[in-house]
Amino acid sequence: MSLDGAKCLVTGSSSGIGLAISKCLTRSGARVVGTGRNESALAQLKSDGHIVDYVVADLTGPPVRDGTTPCEHVVSMAAEKLGGLTHVVNNAGVLRAGSMESVSVDNLDYNMGANARAPFEITTHAIPHLRRAAEEAKNEVGKEGAGGSSAISPCIVNISSVNGKQSFPGCVSYCMSKAAVDMMTRCASVDLAKFGIRVNSVNPGMVPTQLQKGGGTRRL
């Protein structure tokens, strides 16, 4: 499938699943801006031609220099670099293990902040850009007819986890955060359908990324 003309923001693109997604999108013809905390990895990704540019950011960090939140800054910079947005992949996430009998509120805040709040905020800031893309696609289809149009239909893809659908021992707040992503996806898909914006989630099983290796969970 060709994604020529697609303008994509991929969060957490400096490693693991996000890096693979960025490469795949670029191979399909999309223009990708990646974001993450590892500047050297992002710079290498750009040097290798897998993304057109990047924004270094901790999505749960303090406001940036102009006073905006990191999520708002990332969306704004990506849209500026790409001349708009047609696709958003909310992939960035964390995993800090903790069993129900010993887990702390700090653990909950850590997992929920990166895995649920950040995708929520990225999505809210991206919606105006995606609505513009949807209007442009609608106008192009109207001019050329559905059969001959190459218009890009805007969409949001949230990278959730099997942990959002099934309980696992020793990672209660992580499972909660991914269940929240799944519900956000379902609600957003209903709310944004009227604008021509599709919203879907992907729920991978265990993938041996640095997130999994460093999360403190036992191998299931």
N, C-alpha and C. Protein backbone atom coordinates (compact mmCIF):
# COMPACT_ATOMS: atom_id res chain seq x y z
N MET A 1 0.84 -1.20 0.00
CA MET A 1 0.00 0.00 0.00
C MET A 1 0.87 1.24 0.00
N SER A 2 0.58 2.17 -0.90
CA SER A 2 1.35 3.40 -0.97
C SER A 2 0.80 4.44 0.00
N LEU A 3 1.71 5.10 0.68
CA LEU A 3 1.34 6.20 1.58
C LEU A 3 1.93 7.52 1.09
N ASP A 4 2.11 7.63 -0.21
CA ASP A 4 2.61 8.87 -0.78
C ASP A 4 1.69 10.02 -0.37
N GLY A 5 2.28 11.08 0.15
CA GLY A 5 1.51 12.23 0.58
C GLY A 5 1.15 12.22 2.05
N ALA A 6 1.38 11.10 2.72
CA ALA A 6 1.07 11.02 4.15
C ALA A 6 2.09 11.80 4.96
N LYS A 7 1.60 12.49 5.99
CA LYS A 7 2.44 13.29 6.87
C LYS A 7 2.24 12.76 8.29
N CYS A 8 3.23 12.04 8.78
CA CYS A 8 3.04 11.22 9.98
C CYS A 8 3.90 11.68 11.15
N LEU A 9 3.29 11.72 12.31
CA LEU A 9 4.01 11.89 13.57
C LEU A 9 4.00 10.56 14.29
N VAL A 10 5.20 10.09 14.67
CA VAL A 10 5.33 8.83 15.41
C VAL A 10 6.03 9.14 16.73
N THR A 11 5.36 8.91 17.84
CA THR A 11 5.99 9.14 19.14
C THR A 11 6.74 7.88 19.56
N GLY A 12 7.79 8.08 20.34
CA GLY A 12 8.60 6.94 20.77
C GLY A 12 9.29 6.25 19.63
N SER A 13 9.77 7.03 18.66
CA SER A 13 10.32 6.45 17.43
C SER A 13 11.82 6.17 17.51
N SER A 14 12.44 6.45 18.64
CA SER A 14 13.90 6.27 18.73
C SER A 14 14.31 4.83 19.01
N SER A 15 13.35 3.94 19.31
CA SER A 15 13.71 2.56 19.59
C SER A 15 12.49 1.66 19.46
N GLY A 16 12.72 0.36 19.48
CA GLY A 16 11.66 -0.63 19.56
C GLY A 16 10.61 -0.55 18.47
N ILE A 17 9.36 -0.68 18.88
CA ILE A 17 8.24 -0.71 17.94
C ILE A 17 8.13 0.59 17.17
N GLY A 18 8.35 1.73 17.85
CA GLY A 18 8.25 3.02 17.17
C GLY A 18 9.26 3.19 16.07
N LEU A 19 10.47 2.70 16.29
CA LEU A 19 11.50 2.77 15.26
C LEU A 19 11.09 1.94 14.06
N ALA A 20 10.58 0.72 14.32
CA ALA A 20 10.15 -0.15 13.22
C ALA A 20 8.98 0.47 12.45
N ILE A 21 8.04 1.10 13.17
CA ILE A 21 6.91 1.76 12.52
C ILE A 21 7.39 2.89 11.62
N SER A 22 8.33 3.69 12.11
CA SER A 22 8.85 4.81 11.33
C SER A 22 9.48 4.32 10.03
N LYS A 23 10.27 3.27 10.13
CA LYS A 23 10.91 2.71 8.93
C LYS A 23 9.87 2.19 7.94
N CYS A 24 8.87 1.50 8.46
CA CYS A 24 7.83 0.92 7.60
C CYS A 24 7.04 2.01 6.88
N LEU A 25 6.66 3.06 7.62
CA LEU A 25 5.91 4.15 7.01
C LEU A 25 6.72 4.83 5.91
N THR A 26 8.00 5.06 6.18
CA THR A 26 8.85 5.72 5.20
C THR A 26 9.02 4.86 3.96
N ARG A 27 9.19 3.55 4.14
CA ARG A 27 9.30 2.65 2.99
C ARG A 27 8.04 2.68 2.14
N SER A 28 6.91 2.98 2.77
CA SER A 28 5.63 3.01 2.04
C SER A 28 5.36 4.37 1.40
N GLY A 29 6.29 5.31 1.55
CA GLY A 29 6.16 6.60 0.89
C GLY A 29 5.77 7.75 1.78
N ALA A 30 5.52 7.49 3.06
CA ALA A 30 5.12 8.57 3.97
C ALA A 30 6.31 9.42 4.37
N ARG A 31 6.03 10.65 4.76
CA ARG A 31 7.02 11.52 5.38
C ARG A 31 6.77 11.50 6.87
N VAL A 32 7.82 11.19 7.62
CA VAL A 32 7.66 10.93 9.05
C VAL A 32 8.51 11.88 9.89
N VAL A 33 7.90 12.45 10.91
CA VAL A 33 8.64 13.13 11.97
C VAL A 33 8.54 12.26 13.21
N GLY A 34 9.68 11.94 13.77
CA GLY A 34 9.72 11.11 14.96
C GLY A 34 10.00 11.94 16.20
N THR A 35 9.62 11.39 17.33
CA THR A 35 9.94 12.06 18.58
C THR A 35 10.31 11.03 19.63
N GLY A 36 11.13 11.46 20.58
CA GLY A 36 11.59 10.58 21.65
C GLY A 36 12.57 11.34 22.51
N ARG A 37 13.16 10.63 23.47
CA ARG A 37 14.10 11.27 24.39
C ARG A 37 15.55 11.06 23.98
N ASN A 38 15.82 10.10 23.11
CA ASN A 38 17.18 9.76 22.72
C ASN A 38 17.56 10.51 21.44
N GLU A 39 18.22 11.65 21.61
CA GLU A 39 18.53 12.48 20.45
C GLU A 39 19.48 11.80 19.49
N SER A 40 20.48 11.09 19.99
CA SER A 40 21.45 10.45 19.10
C SER A 40 20.78 9.38 18.24
N ALA A 41 19.85 8.63 18.83
CA ALA A 41 19.13 7.61 18.06
C ALA A 41 18.24 8.25 17.00
N LEU A 42 17.58 9.35 17.36
CA LEU A 42 16.73 10.05 16.39
C LEU A 42 17.56 10.64 15.26
N ALA A 43 18.72 11.21 15.61
CA ALA A 43 19.60 11.78 14.59
C ALA A 43 20.08 10.69 13.62
N GLN A 44 20.37 9.50 14.16
CA GLN A 44 20.80 8.40 13.31
C GLN A 44 19.67 7.95 12.40
N LEU A 45 18.47 7.93 12.94
CA LEU A 45 17.31 7.54 12.15
C LEU A 45 17.11 8.51 10.99
N LYS A 46 17.30 9.79 11.25
CA LYS A 46 17.19 10.79 10.18
C LYS A 46 18.33 10.64 9.18
N SER A 47 19.54 10.44 9.68
CA SER A 47 20.70 10.28 8.80
C SER A 47 20.53 9.08 7.87
N ASP A 48 19.89 8.03 8.36
CA ASP A 48 19.68 6.83 7.56
C ASP A 48 18.49 6.96 6.61
N GLY A 49 17.80 8.09 6.67
CA GLY A 49 16.68 8.33 5.76
C GLY A 49 15.37 7.71 6.17
N HIS A 50 15.26 7.31 7.44
CA HIS A 50 14.02 6.66 7.89
C HIS A 50 12.99 7.66 8.40
N ILE A 51 13.41 8.88 8.72
CA ILE A 51 12.50 9.97 9.06
C ILE A 51 13.02 11.23 8.40
N VAL A 52 12.14 12.20 8.19
CA VAL A 52 12.59 13.44 7.56
C VAL A 52 13.13 14.41 8.60
N ASP A 53 12.64 14.27 9.85
CA ASP A 53 13.13 15.14 10.93
C ASP A 53 12.62 14.58 12.25
N TYR A 54 13.03 15.23 13.34
CA TYR A 54 12.64 14.73 14.66
C TYR A 54 12.50 15.88 15.65
N VAL A 55 11.81 15.59 16.75
CA VAL A 55 11.66 16.52 17.86
C VAL A 55 12.04 15.77 19.13
N VAL A 56 13.05 16.23 19.81
CA VAL A 56 13.46 15.60 21.07
C VAL A 56 12.53 16.08 22.17
N ALA A 57 11.91 15.15 22.88
CA ALA A 57 10.97 15.56 23.93
C ALA A 57 10.68 14.40 24.87
N ASP A 58 10.48 14.76 26.13
CA ASP A 58 9.92 13.86 27.13
C ASP A 58 8.46 14.26 27.27
N LEU A 59 7.55 13.44 26.79
CA LEU A 59 6.14 13.81 26.72
C LEU A 59 5.51 14.04 28.08
N THR A 60 6.14 13.58 29.13
CA THR A 60 5.62 13.80 30.48
C THR A 60 6.45 14.83 31.24
N GLY A 61 7.33 15.52 30.55
CA GLY A 61 8.21 16.47 31.19
C GLY A 61 7.56 17.82 31.44
N PRO A 62 8.34 18.77 31.98
CA PRO A 62 7.83 20.11 32.27
C PRO A 62 7.60 20.90 30.98
N PRO A 63 6.92 22.05 31.06
CA PRO A 63 6.70 22.89 29.89
C PRO A 63 8.02 23.24 29.20
N VAL A 64 7.96 23.39 27.90
CA VAL A 64 9.15 23.76 27.14
C VAL A 64 9.34 25.27 27.20
N ARG A 65 10.32 25.78 26.46
CA ARG A 65 10.74 27.17 26.62
C ARG A 65 9.63 28.19 26.36
N ASP A 66 8.73 27.88 25.43
CA ASP A 66 7.67 28.86 25.13
C ASP A 66 6.46 28.68 26.05
N GLY A 67 6.58 27.81 27.04
CA GLY A 67 5.51 27.64 28.00
C GLY A 67 4.48 26.58 27.65
N THR A 68 4.56 26.01 26.45
CA THR A 68 3.63 24.96 26.07
C THR A 68 4.06 23.63 26.68
N THR A 69 3.14 22.68 26.75
CA THR A 69 3.47 21.36 27.24
C THR A 69 4.30 20.63 26.17
N PRO A 70 5.07 19.62 26.57
CA PRO A 70 5.84 18.87 25.58
C PRO A 70 4.97 18.26 24.48
N CYS A 71 3.79 17.76 24.84
CA CYS A 71 2.91 17.16 23.82
C CYS A 71 2.44 18.20 22.80
N GLU A 72 2.04 19.35 23.29
CA GLU A 72 1.61 20.42 22.37
C GLU A 72 2.77 20.86 21.49
N HIS A 73 3.94 20.96 22.09
CA HIS A 73 5.14 21.37 21.34
C HIS A 73 5.46 20.37 20.24
N VAL A 74 5.40 19.09 20.55
CA VAL A 74 5.72 18.05 19.57
C VAL A 74 4.77 18.10 18.39
N VAL A 75 3.47 18.20 18.67
CA VAL A 75 2.49 18.25 17.58
C VAL A 75 2.69 19.49 16.73
N SER A 76 2.91 20.63 17.37
CA SER A 76 3.11 21.88 16.64
C SER A 76 4.34 21.81 15.74
N MET A 77 5.44 21.29 16.29
CA MET A 77 6.68 21.21 15.51
C MET A 77 6.57 20.21 14.36
N ALA A 78 5.91 19.08 14.62
CA ALA A 78 5.74 18.09 13.56
C ALA A 78 4.91 18.65 12.41
N ALA A 79 3.81 19.34 12.75
CA ALA A 79 2.96 19.93 11.71
C ALA A 79 3.71 21.00 10.94
N GLU A 80 4.55 21.74 11.64
CA GLU A 80 5.35 22.77 10.97
C GLU A 80 6.35 22.16 10.02
N LYS A 81 7.02 21.11 10.45
CA LYS A 81 8.05 20.47 9.63
C LYS A 81 7.45 19.76 8.41
N LEU A 82 6.25 19.22 8.58
CA LEU A 82 5.63 18.44 7.51
C LEU A 82 4.63 19.24 6.67
N GLY A 83 4.29 20.44 7.13
CA GLY A 83 3.26 21.20 6.43
C GLY A 83 1.87 20.65 6.69
N GLY A 84 1.67 20.15 7.91
CA GLY A 84 0.39 19.57 8.30
C GLY A 84 0.58 18.16 8.83
N LEU A 85 -0.52 17.54 9.20
CA LEU A 85 -0.49 16.15 9.68
C LEU A 85 -1.65 15.38 9.07
N THR A 86 -1.38 14.16 8.67
CA THR A 86 -2.46 13.27 8.23
C THR A 86 -2.55 12.03 9.11
N HIS A 87 -1.45 11.66 9.77
CA HIS A 87 -1.43 10.46 10.59
C HIS A 87 -0.69 10.73 11.89
N VAL A 88 -1.20 10.15 12.97
CA VAL A 88 -0.51 10.19 14.26
C VAL A 88 -0.44 8.77 14.80
N VAL A 89 0.76 8.36 15.18
CA VAL A 89 0.94 7.06 15.83
C VAL A 89 1.40 7.32 17.26
N ASN A 90 0.51 7.06 18.21
CA ASN A 90 0.83 7.21 19.62
C ASN A 90 1.48 5.92 20.11
N ASN A 91 2.80 5.89 20.04
CA ASN A 91 3.53 4.67 20.38
C ASN A 91 4.34 4.79 21.66
N ALA A 92 4.78 5.99 22.02
CA ALA A 92 5.65 6.15 23.18
C ALA A 92 5.00 5.60 24.43
N GLY A 93 5.78 4.92 25.25
CA GLY A 93 5.23 4.37 26.48
C GLY A 93 6.32 3.92 27.43
N VAL A 94 5.91 3.57 28.63
CA VAL A 94 6.83 3.10 29.66
C VAL A 94 6.22 1.85 30.30
N LEU A 95 7.06 1.15 31.04
CA LEU A 95 6.58 0.00 31.80
C LEU A 95 7.36 -0.05 33.11
N ARG A 96 6.66 0.16 34.21
CA ARG A 96 7.26 0.00 35.52
C ARG A 96 6.39 -0.98 36.29
N ALA A 97 6.97 -2.13 36.62
CA ALA A 97 6.21 -3.20 37.24
C ALA A 97 5.80 -2.85 38.66
N GLY A 98 4.79 -3.56 39.15
CA GLY A 98 4.33 -3.39 40.52
C GLY A 98 3.11 -4.23 40.77
N SER A 99 3.16 -5.04 41.81
CA SER A 99 2.04 -5.91 42.16
C SER A 99 1.07 -5.17 43.08
N MET A 100 -0.19 -5.57 43.05
CA MET A 100 -1.24 -4.82 43.74
C MET A 100 -0.98 -4.67 45.24
N GLU A 101 -0.36 -5.65 45.85
CA GLU A 101 -0.16 -5.57 47.29
C GLU A 101 0.98 -4.65 47.69
N SER A 102 1.77 -4.20 46.71
CA SER A 102 2.93 -3.36 47.06
C SER A 102 3.11 -2.14 46.17
N VAL A 103 2.28 -2.00 45.14
CA VAL A 103 2.48 -0.91 44.18
C VAL A 103 2.16 0.44 44.83
N SER A 104 2.85 1.48 44.36
CA SER A 104 2.68 2.83 44.91
C SER A 104 1.88 3.71 43.96
N VAL A 105 1.39 4.81 44.49
CA VAL A 105 0.72 5.80 43.65
C VAL A 105 1.69 6.40 42.64
N ASP A 106 2.96 6.55 43.03
CA ASP A 106 3.97 7.04 42.10
C ASP A 106 4.09 6.11 40.90
N ASN A 107 4.01 4.81 41.14
CA ASN A 107 4.05 3.84 40.05
C ASN A 107 2.86 4.04 39.12
N LEU A 108 1.69 4.23 39.70
CA LEU A 108 0.49 4.48 38.91
C LEU A 108 0.64 5.74 38.07
N ASP A 109 1.10 6.82 38.69
CA ASP A 109 1.26 8.09 37.97
C ASP A 109 2.27 7.96 36.83
N TYR A 110 3.34 7.22 37.07
CA TYR A 110 4.38 7.04 36.06
C TYR A 110 3.82 6.34 34.82
N ASN A 111 3.15 5.20 35.03
CA ASN A 111 2.61 4.45 33.91
C ASN A 111 1.45 5.18 33.23
N MET A 112 0.54 5.74 34.01
CA MET A 112 -0.61 6.42 33.42
C MET A 112 -0.19 7.69 32.70
N GLY A 113 0.81 8.39 33.23
CA GLY A 113 1.23 9.63 32.61
C GLY A 113 1.75 9.44 31.20
N ALA A 114 2.63 8.48 31.02
CA ALA A 114 3.23 8.25 29.70
C ALA A 114 2.33 7.45 28.78
N ASN A 115 1.61 6.48 29.33
CA ASN A 115 0.87 5.54 28.49
C ASN A 115 -0.55 5.97 28.17
N ALA A 116 -1.15 6.80 29.03
CA ALA A 116 -2.54 7.22 28.80
C ALA A 116 -2.68 8.72 28.63
N ARG A 117 -2.11 9.49 29.57
CA ARG A 117 -2.26 10.94 29.48
C ARG A 117 -1.58 11.51 28.23
N ALA A 118 -0.35 11.09 27.96
CA ALA A 118 0.38 11.65 26.81
C ALA A 118 -0.33 11.36 25.48
N PRO A 119 -0.77 10.13 25.20
CA PRO A 119 -1.52 9.90 23.96
C PRO A 119 -2.80 10.71 23.89
N PHE A 120 -3.46 10.86 25.05
CA PHE A 120 -4.67 11.69 25.09
C PHE A 120 -4.34 13.12 24.68
N GLU A 121 -3.27 13.67 25.24
CA GLU A 121 -2.93 15.06 24.95
C GLU A 121 -2.41 15.23 23.52
N ILE A 122 -1.57 14.31 23.06
CA ILE A 122 -1.11 14.35 21.67
C ILE A 122 -2.31 14.36 20.73
N THR A 123 -3.27 13.50 21.01
CA THR A 123 -4.46 13.40 20.16
C THR A 123 -5.25 14.70 20.14
N THR A 124 -5.49 15.29 21.31
CA THR A 124 -6.27 16.52 21.34
C THR A 124 -5.61 17.64 20.55
N HIS A 125 -4.28 17.73 20.63
CA HIS A 125 -3.59 18.79 19.89
C HIS A 125 -3.51 18.48 18.39
N ALA A 126 -3.57 17.20 18.04
CA ALA A 126 -3.48 16.83 16.62
C ALA A 126 -4.80 16.96 15.89
N ILE A 127 -5.91 16.93 16.61
CA ILE A 127 -7.23 16.92 15.96
C ILE A 127 -7.42 18.08 14.98
N PRO A 128 -7.10 19.33 15.31
CA PRO A 128 -7.30 20.41 14.32
C PRO A 128 -6.54 20.17 13.02
N HIS A 129 -5.32 19.65 13.11
CA HIS A 129 -4.53 19.37 11.90
C HIS A 129 -5.16 18.24 11.09
N LEU A 130 -5.64 17.20 11.79
CA LEU A 130 -6.26 16.08 11.10
C LEU A 130 -7.60 16.46 10.48
N ARG A 131 -8.33 17.36 11.13
CA ARG A 131 -9.59 17.82 10.55
C ARG A 131 -9.34 18.59 9.26
N ARG A 132 -8.28 19.39 9.24
CA ARG A 132 -7.94 20.10 8.00
C ARG A 132 -7.59 19.11 6.89
N ALA A 133 -6.83 18.07 7.28
CA ALA A 133 -6.46 17.05 6.29
C ALA A 133 -7.69 16.33 5.77
N ALA A 134 -8.65 16.07 6.65
CA ALA A 134 -9.89 15.39 6.24
C ALA A 134 -10.69 16.26 5.27
N GLU A 135 -10.74 17.57 5.54
CA GLU A 135 -11.45 18.48 4.64
C GLU A 135 -10.77 18.53 3.28
N GLU A 136 -9.45 18.57 3.28
CA GLU A 136 -8.71 18.59 2.02
C GLU A 136 -8.95 17.30 1.24
N ALA A 137 -8.97 16.17 1.95
CA ALA A 137 -9.22 14.89 1.28
C ALA A 137 -10.63 14.85 0.70
N LYS A 138 -11.59 15.37 1.47
CA LYS A 138 -12.97 15.39 1.00
C LYS A 138 -13.11 16.25 -0.25
N ASN A 139 -12.46 17.39 -0.26
CA ASN A 139 -12.52 18.28 -1.43
C ASN A 139 -11.86 17.64 -2.64
N GLU A 140 -10.76 16.93 -2.40
CA GLU A 140 -10.06 16.29 -3.51
C GLU A 140 -10.90 15.18 -4.11
N VAL A 141 -11.54 14.40 -3.25
CA VAL A 141 -12.42 13.34 -3.74
C VAL A 141 -13.59 13.94 -4.53
N GLY A 142 -14.11 15.06 -4.05
CA GLY A 142 -15.20 15.72 -4.76
C GLY A 142 -14.82 16.18 -6.15
N LYS A 143 -13.57 16.61 -6.29
CA LYS A 143 -13.11 17.10 -7.59
C LYS A 143 -12.81 15.96 -8.56
N GLU A 144 -12.21 14.88 -8.04
CA GLU A 144 -11.71 13.82 -8.91
C GLU A 144 -12.60 12.59 -8.93
N GLY A 145 -13.52 12.48 -7.97
CA GLY A 145 -14.30 11.26 -7.86
C GLY A 145 -13.56 10.24 -7.03
N ALA A 146 -14.28 9.43 -6.30
CA ALA A 146 -13.65 8.48 -5.37
C ALA A 146 -12.70 7.52 -6.07
N GLY A 147 -13.03 7.13 -7.29
CA GLY A 147 -12.20 6.15 -7.99
C GLY A 147 -10.85 6.69 -8.40
N GLY A 148 -10.75 7.99 -8.66
CA GLY A 148 -9.50 8.52 -9.17
C GLY A 148 -8.71 9.35 -8.19
N SER A 149 -9.19 9.45 -6.96
CA SER A 149 -8.54 10.32 -6.00
C SER A 149 -7.41 9.61 -5.27
N SER A 150 -6.35 10.36 -4.99
CA SER A 150 -5.22 9.85 -4.20
C SER A 150 -5.21 10.51 -2.83
N ALA A 151 -6.35 11.05 -2.40
CA ALA A 151 -6.44 11.77 -1.13
C ALA A 151 -6.11 10.85 0.03
N ILE A 152 -5.44 11.43 1.02
CA ILE A 152 -5.07 10.70 2.22
C ILE A 152 -6.17 10.84 3.27
N SER A 153 -6.69 9.73 3.74
CA SER A 153 -7.69 9.74 4.80
C SER A 153 -6.97 9.77 6.14
N PRO A 154 -7.16 10.81 6.95
CA PRO A 154 -6.39 10.94 8.18
C PRO A 154 -6.78 9.91 9.23
N CYS A 155 -5.81 9.53 10.04
CA CYS A 155 -6.10 8.54 11.07
C CYS A 155 -5.13 8.67 12.24
N ILE A 156 -5.56 8.10 13.37
CA ILE A 156 -4.76 8.00 14.58
C ILE A 156 -4.65 6.52 14.92
N VAL A 157 -3.43 6.08 15.19
CA VAL A 157 -3.22 4.69 15.61
C VAL A 157 -2.55 4.72 16.98
N ASN A 158 -3.20 4.10 17.95
CA ASN A 158 -2.66 4.02 19.30
C ASN A 158 -2.06 2.64 19.52
N ILE A 159 -0.78 2.61 19.90
CA ILE A 159 -0.14 1.33 20.19
C ILE A 159 -0.42 1.00 21.66
N SER A 160 -1.33 0.09 21.85
CA SER A 160 -1.72 -0.33 23.19
C SER A 160 -0.93 -1.61 23.54
N SER A 161 -1.59 -2.57 24.12
CA SER A 161 -0.91 -3.81 24.52
C SER A 161 -1.95 -4.87 24.81
N VAL A 162 -1.54 -6.12 24.71
CA VAL A 162 -2.40 -7.21 25.17
C VAL A 162 -2.73 -7.05 26.65
N ASN A 163 -1.86 -6.33 27.37
CA ASN A 163 -2.11 -6.08 28.80
C ASN A 163 -3.35 -5.23 29.04
N GLY A 164 -3.81 -4.52 28.02
CA GLY A 164 -5.03 -3.75 28.17
C GLY A 164 -6.28 -4.59 28.06
N LYS A 165 -6.14 -5.82 27.58
CA LYS A 165 -7.29 -6.70 27.37
C LYS A 165 -7.29 -7.90 28.31
N GLN A 166 -6.15 -8.19 28.91
CA GLN A 166 -6.04 -9.38 29.75
C GLN A 166 -5.21 -9.04 30.98
N SER A 167 -5.62 -9.56 32.12
CA SER A 167 -4.87 -9.28 33.35
C SER A 167 -3.59 -10.11 33.40
N PHE A 168 -2.53 -9.47 33.93
CA PHE A 168 -1.24 -10.13 34.11
C PHE A 168 -0.75 -9.84 35.52
N PRO A 169 -0.02 -10.75 36.12
CA PRO A 169 0.49 -10.50 37.47
C PRO A 169 1.65 -9.52 37.48
N GLY A 170 1.73 -8.72 38.53
CA GLY A 170 2.91 -7.90 38.76
C GLY A 170 3.02 -6.63 37.96
N CYS A 171 1.95 -6.20 37.30
CA CYS A 171 2.04 -4.95 36.52
C CYS A 171 0.68 -4.27 36.45
N VAL A 172 0.06 -4.10 37.60
CA VAL A 172 -1.32 -3.64 37.65
C VAL A 172 -1.51 -2.26 37.03
N SER A 173 -0.64 -1.30 37.34
CA SER A 173 -0.86 0.05 36.81
C SER A 173 -0.53 0.14 35.33
N TYR A 174 0.38 -0.70 34.86
CA TYR A 174 0.66 -0.75 33.42
C TYR A 174 -0.57 -1.29 32.68
N CYS A 175 -1.17 -2.37 33.21
CA CYS A 175 -2.38 -2.91 32.59
C CYS A 175 -3.50 -1.87 32.59
N MET A 176 -3.64 -1.15 33.70
CA MET A 176 -4.64 -0.09 33.79
C MET A 176 -4.42 0.97 32.72
N SER A 177 -3.17 1.35 32.51
CA SER A 177 -2.88 2.41 31.54
C SER A 177 -3.22 1.98 30.12
N LYS A 178 -2.97 0.72 29.80
CA LYS A 178 -3.26 0.24 28.45
C LYS A 178 -4.76 0.02 28.24
N ALA A 179 -5.46 -0.37 29.30
CA ALA A 179 -6.92 -0.45 29.20
C ALA A 179 -7.52 0.94 28.96
N ALA A 180 -6.91 1.95 29.59
CA ALA A 180 -7.36 3.33 29.36
C ALA A 180 -7.15 3.75 27.92
N VAL A 181 -6.03 3.35 27.32
CA VAL A 181 -5.76 3.66 25.91
C VAL A 181 -6.81 3.02 25.02
N ASP A 182 -7.16 1.77 25.32
CA ASP A 182 -8.17 1.09 24.51
C ASP A 182 -9.52 1.79 24.57
N MET A 183 -9.92 2.22 25.77
CA MET A 183 -11.20 2.92 25.89
C MET A 183 -11.15 4.29 25.22
N MET A 184 -10.02 4.99 25.38
CA MET A 184 -9.87 6.27 24.69
C MET A 184 -10.02 6.08 23.18
N THR A 185 -9.41 5.01 22.66
CA THR A 185 -9.49 4.74 21.23
C THR A 185 -10.93 4.55 20.79
N ARG A 186 -11.67 3.75 21.54
CA ARG A 186 -13.06 3.49 21.16
C ARG A 186 -13.90 4.77 21.21
N CYS A 187 -13.72 5.54 22.26
CA CYS A 187 -14.48 6.80 22.37
C CYS A 187 -14.09 7.79 21.27
N ALA A 188 -12.79 7.92 21.03
CA ALA A 188 -12.32 8.85 20.00
C ALA A 188 -12.81 8.44 18.61
N SER A 189 -12.85 7.14 18.36
CA SER A 189 -13.30 6.69 17.03
C SER A 189 -14.75 7.09 16.77
N VAL A 190 -15.58 7.06 17.83
CA VAL A 190 -16.97 7.49 17.70
C VAL A 190 -17.07 9.00 17.54
N ASP A 191 -16.32 9.73 18.37
CA ASP A 191 -16.40 11.19 18.36
C ASP A 191 -15.84 11.80 17.07
N LEU A 192 -14.79 11.20 16.52
CA LEU A 192 -14.10 11.82 15.38
C LEU A 192 -14.54 11.29 14.02
N ALA A 193 -15.40 10.26 14.02
CA ALA A 193 -15.86 9.70 12.74
C ALA A 193 -16.57 10.75 11.90
N LYS A 194 -17.29 11.64 12.55
CA LYS A 194 -18.05 12.66 11.80
C LYS A 194 -17.13 13.63 11.06
N PHE A 195 -15.87 13.69 11.46
CA PHE A 195 -14.91 14.56 10.77
C PHE A 195 -14.11 13.80 9.71
N GLY A 196 -14.34 12.50 9.59
CA GLY A 196 -13.59 11.71 8.63
C GLY A 196 -12.23 11.27 9.14
N ILE A 197 -12.08 11.21 10.46
CA ILE A 197 -10.82 10.79 11.09
C ILE A 197 -11.03 9.40 11.68
N ARG A 198 -10.23 8.45 11.25
CA ARG A 198 -10.30 7.10 11.79
C ARG A 198 -9.38 6.97 12.99
N VAL A 199 -9.80 6.19 13.99
CA VAL A 199 -8.99 5.96 15.19
C VAL A 199 -9.01 4.47 15.50
N ASN A 200 -7.83 3.89 15.58
CA ASN A 200 -7.72 2.46 15.87
C ASN A 200 -6.57 2.21 16.85
N SER A 201 -6.61 1.06 17.48
CA SER A 201 -5.49 0.67 18.35
C SER A 201 -4.95 -0.68 17.91
N VAL A 202 -3.70 -0.91 18.26
CA VAL A 202 -3.03 -2.19 18.02
C VAL A 202 -2.59 -2.70 19.39
N ASN A 203 -2.80 -3.97 19.65
CA ASN A 203 -2.50 -4.54 20.96
C ASN A 203 -1.46 -5.66 20.84
N PRO A 204 -0.18 -5.29 20.74
CA PRO A 204 0.86 -6.32 20.58
C PRO A 204 0.98 -7.20 21.82
N GLY A 205 1.46 -8.41 21.61
CA GLY A 205 1.87 -9.25 22.72
C GLY A 205 3.26 -8.83 23.18
N MET A 206 3.93 -9.69 23.91
CA MET A 206 5.23 -9.33 24.44
C MET A 206 6.27 -9.26 23.32
N VAL A 207 6.89 -8.11 23.18
CA VAL A 207 7.94 -7.87 22.18
C VAL A 207 9.22 -7.56 22.95
N PRO A 208 10.34 -8.23 22.65
CA PRO A 208 11.57 -8.05 23.44
C PRO A 208 12.28 -6.73 23.15
N THR A 209 11.62 -5.62 23.47
CA THR A 209 12.23 -4.30 23.32
C THR A 209 12.89 -3.89 24.64
N GLN A 210 13.56 -2.75 24.63
CA GLN A 210 14.18 -2.25 25.86
C GLN A 210 13.12 -1.98 26.92
N LEU A 211 11.94 -1.55 26.50
CA LEU A 211 10.86 -1.30 27.46
C LEU A 211 10.54 -2.58 28.24
N GLN A 212 10.40 -3.70 27.52
CA GLN A 212 10.08 -4.96 28.18
C GLN A 212 11.24 -5.46 29.03
N LYS A 213 12.45 -5.31 28.52
CA LYS A 213 13.62 -5.82 29.23
C LYS A 213 13.89 -5.05 30.52
N GLY A 214 13.56 -3.76 30.52
CA GLY A 214 13.86 -2.94 31.67
C GLY A 214 12.69 -2.65 32.60
N GLY A 215 11.52 -3.26 32.30
CA GLY A 215 10.31 -2.92 33.05
C GLY A 215 10.17 -3.58 34.39
N GLY A 216 10.95 -4.64 34.63
CA GLY A 216 10.88 -5.29 35.94
C GLY A 216 9.84 -6.37 36.06
N THR A 217 9.21 -6.76 34.94
CA THR A 217 8.24 -7.84 34.99
C THR A 217 8.93 -9.16 34.73
N ARG A 218 8.37 -10.22 35.31
CA ARG A 218 8.93 -11.54 35.02
C ARG A 218 8.45 -12.00 33.67
N ARG A 219 9.18 -12.90 33.04
CA ARG A 219 8.79 -13.42 31.73
C ARG A 219 7.56 -14.30 31.89
N LEU A 220 6.50 -14.05 31.10
CA LEU A 220 5.26 -14.80 31.26
C LEU A 220 5.17 -15.90 30.21
